[in-house]
Amino acid sequence: MPRRAQVTVWHGPARGRGGAPRQGSCRLQGLRAVLEADGHELTLEEIPDWNTVELIVNGETVFHCNINDLDFGGDGKLDPLCEEARRAVLNAY
């Protein structure tokens, strides 16, 4: 298991109800909290792909999901997707 991995988080804008675009980075709060609690260093990069989140470790995509499926705000401890992402980063090497 890697410790203090450099994780690049690619995230796209999210579409709200009614199709209005909004910045998706607020949905990443729990994911960031979970990964930073494990000691990983995160780099956030916005990409043009709508509703996308990808975690990159050592140049390899280890996790991806729809940004709207992440719980809004919070510490990420109760979000099953945050736990799945956490495990994917730990198993990356």
C-alpha atoms as a PDB file:
ATOM      1  CA  MET A   1       0.000   0.000   0.000  1.00  0.00           C
ATOM      2  CA  PRO A   2       1.412   3.386  -0.925  1.00  0.00           C
ATOM      3  CA  ARG A   3       1.773   6.033   1.703  1.00  0.00           C
ATOM      4  CA  ARG A   4       1.679   9.674   0.843  1.00  0.00           C
ATOM      5  CA  ALA A   5       0.930   9.044  -2.815  1.00  0.00           C
ATOM      6  CA  GLN A   6       0.697  11.937  -5.249  1.00  0.00           C
ATOM      7  CA  VAL A   7      -2.902  11.768  -6.497  1.00  0.00           C
ATOM      8  CA  THR A   8      -4.134  13.870  -9.398  1.00  0.00           C
ATOM      9  CA  VAL A   9      -7.880  14.449  -9.305  1.00  0.00           C
ATOM     10  CA  TRP A  10      -9.314  15.253 -12.716  1.00  0.00           C
ATOM     11  CA  HIS A  11     -12.802  16.683 -12.403  1.00  0.00           C
ATOM     12  CA  GLY A  12     -15.191  18.189 -14.873  1.00  0.00           C
ATOM     13  CA  PRO A  13     -18.016  20.643 -14.428  1.00  0.00           C
ATOM     14  CA  ALA A  14     -21.312  19.224 -13.202  1.00  0.00           C
ATOM     15  CA  ARG A  15     -24.735  19.795 -14.640  1.00  0.00           C
ATOM     16  CA  GLY A  16     -27.326  20.825 -12.114  1.00  0.00           C
ATOM     17  CA  ARG A  17     -31.043  20.295 -12.300  1.00  0.00           C
ATOM     18  CA  GLY A  18     -32.411  21.788 -15.448  1.00  0.00           C
ATOM     19  CA  GLY A  19     -29.073  21.313 -17.196  1.00  0.00           C
ATOM     20  CA  ALA A  20     -27.473  24.479 -15.820  1.00  0.00           C
ATOM     21  CA  PRO A  21     -23.687  24.086 -15.532  1.00  0.00           C
ATOM     22  CA  ARG A  22     -22.060  24.545 -12.142  1.00  0.00           C
ATOM     23  CA  GLN A  23     -18.607  23.999 -10.785  1.00  0.00           C
ATOM     24  CA  GLY A  24     -18.231  20.454  -9.491  1.00  0.00           C
ATOM     25  CA  SER A  25     -15.325  21.003  -7.118  1.00  0.00           C
ATOM     26  CA  CYS A  26     -17.686  21.481  -4.152  1.00  0.00           C
ATOM     27  CA  ARG A  27     -18.712  17.837  -4.578  1.00  0.00           C
ATOM     28  CA  LEU A  28     -15.093  16.804  -4.011  1.00  0.00           C
ATOM     29  CA  GLN A  29     -14.932  17.962  -0.392  1.00  0.00           C
ATOM     30  CA  GLY A  30     -15.532  14.512   1.136  1.00  0.00           C
ATOM     31  CA  LEU A  31     -13.242  12.764  -1.342  1.00  0.00           C
ATOM     32  CA  ARG A  32     -10.463  15.235  -0.587  1.00  0.00           C
ATOM     33  CA  ALA A  33     -10.950  14.821   3.169  1.00  0.00           C
ATOM     34  CA  VAL A  34     -10.735  11.018   2.998  1.00  0.00           C
ATOM     35  CA  LEU A  35      -7.618  10.960   0.814  1.00  0.00           C
ATOM     36  CA  GLU A  36      -5.832  13.719   2.731  1.00  0.00           C
ATOM     37  CA  ALA A  37      -6.578  11.930   6.017  1.00  0.00           C
ATOM     38  CA  ASP A  38      -4.552   8.996   4.631  1.00  0.00           C
ATOM     39  CA  GLY A  39      -1.654  11.388   4.008  1.00  0.00           C
ATOM     40  CA  HIS A  40      -1.956  11.599   0.223  1.00  0.00           C
ATOM     41  CA  GLU A  41      -1.089  14.814  -1.604  1.00  0.00           C
ATOM     42  CA  LEU A  42      -3.807  15.921  -4.027  1.00  0.00           C
ATOM     43  CA  THR A  43      -3.609  18.014  -7.155  1.00  0.00           C
ATOM     44  CA  LEU A  44      -6.975  19.134  -8.565  1.00  0.00           C
ATOM     45  CA  GLU A  45      -7.201  19.653 -12.314  1.00  0.00           C
ATOM     46  CA  GLU A  46     -10.379  20.707 -14.061  1.00  0.00           C
ATOM     47  CA  ILE A  47     -11.084  18.920 -17.328  1.00  0.00           C
ATOM     48  CA  PRO A  48     -13.764  19.654 -19.945  1.00  0.00           C
ATOM     49  CA  ASP A  49     -15.587  16.304 -19.545  1.00  0.00           C
ATOM     50  CA  TRP A  50     -18.966  16.859 -17.906  1.00  0.00           C
ATOM     51  CA  ASN A  51     -19.783  15.075 -14.623  1.00  0.00           C
ATOM     52  CA  THR A  52     -16.457  13.215 -14.474  1.00  0.00           C
ATOM     53  CA  VAL A  53     -14.049  12.453 -11.633  1.00  0.00           C
ATOM     54  CA  GLU A  54     -10.871  10.452 -12.219  1.00  0.00           C
ATOM     55  CA  LEU A  55      -8.072   9.676  -9.774  1.00  0.00           C
ATOM     56  CA  ILE A  56      -4.623   9.301 -11.315  1.00  0.00           C
ATOM     57  CA  VAL A  57      -1.717   7.668  -9.453  1.00  0.00           C
ATOM     58  CA  ASN A  58       1.615   7.118 -11.219  1.00  0.00           C
ATOM     59  CA  GLY A  59       0.060   8.063 -14.555  1.00  0.00           C
ATOM     60  CA  GLU A  60      -2.643   5.413 -14.269  1.00  0.00           C
ATOM     61  CA  THR A  61      -6.357   5.977 -13.733  1.00  0.00           C
ATOM     62  CA  VAL A  62      -7.221   4.000 -10.602  1.00  0.00           C
ATOM     63  CA  PHE A  63     -10.772   5.268 -10.027  1.00  0.00           C
ATOM     64  CA  HIS A  64     -13.510   7.126 -11.900  1.00  0.00           C
ATOM     65  CA  CYS A  65     -17.108   8.060 -11.196  1.00  0.00           C
ATOM     66  CA  ASN A  66     -19.835  10.555 -11.965  1.00  0.00           C
ATOM     67  CA  ILE A  67     -19.262  13.686  -9.888  1.00  0.00           C
ATOM     68  CA  ASN A  68     -22.988  13.903  -9.113  1.00  0.00           C
ATOM     69  CA  ASP A  69     -22.841  10.505  -7.374  1.00  0.00           C
ATOM     70  CA  LEU A  70     -20.535  11.873  -4.665  1.00  0.00           C
ATOM     71  CA  ASP A  71     -22.215  13.142  -1.503  1.00  0.00           C
ATOM     72  CA  PHE A  72     -22.319  16.918  -1.284  1.00  0.00           C
ATOM     73  CA  GLY A  73     -19.997  18.326   1.379  1.00  0.00           C
ATOM     74  CA  GLY A  74     -19.140  16.515   4.571  1.00  0.00           C
ATOM     75  CA  ASP A  75     -16.086  14.506   5.528  1.00  0.00           C
ATOM     76  CA  GLY A  76     -16.659  11.619   3.096  1.00  0.00           C
ATOM     77  CA  LYS A  77     -16.633   8.961   5.812  1.00  0.00           C
ATOM     78  CA  LEU A  78     -20.195   7.834   5.094  1.00  0.00           C
ATOM     79  CA  ASP A  79     -19.942   8.093   1.292  1.00  0.00           C
ATOM     80  CA  PRO A  80     -19.348   4.601  -0.183  1.00  0.00           C
ATOM     81  CA  LEU A  81     -17.762   6.107  -3.303  1.00  0.00           C
ATOM     82  CA  CYS A  82     -15.172   7.921  -1.199  1.00  0.00           C
ATOM     83  CA  GLU A  83     -14.260   4.646   0.497  1.00  0.00           C
ATOM     84  CA  GLU A  84     -14.036   2.907  -2.890  1.00  0.00           C
ATOM     85  CA  ALA A  85     -11.732   5.678  -4.153  1.00  0.00           C
ATOM     86  CA  ARG A  86      -9.628   5.433  -1.003  1.00  0.00           C
ATOM     87  CA  ARG A  87      -9.138   1.679  -1.511  1.00  0.00           C
ATOM     88  CA  ALA A  88      -8.299   2.204  -5.195  1.00  0.00           C
ATOM     89  CA  VAL A  89      -5.518   4.645  -4.289  1.00  0.00           C
ATOM     90  CA  LEU A  90      -4.165   2.328  -1.591  1.00  0.00           C
ATOM     91  CA  ASN A  91      -4.069  -0.562  -4.090  1.00  0.00           C
ATOM     92  CA  ALA A  92      -2.567   1.534  -6.886  1.00  0.00           C
ATOM     93  CA  TYR A  93       0.978   0.230  -6.762  1.00  0.00           C
END
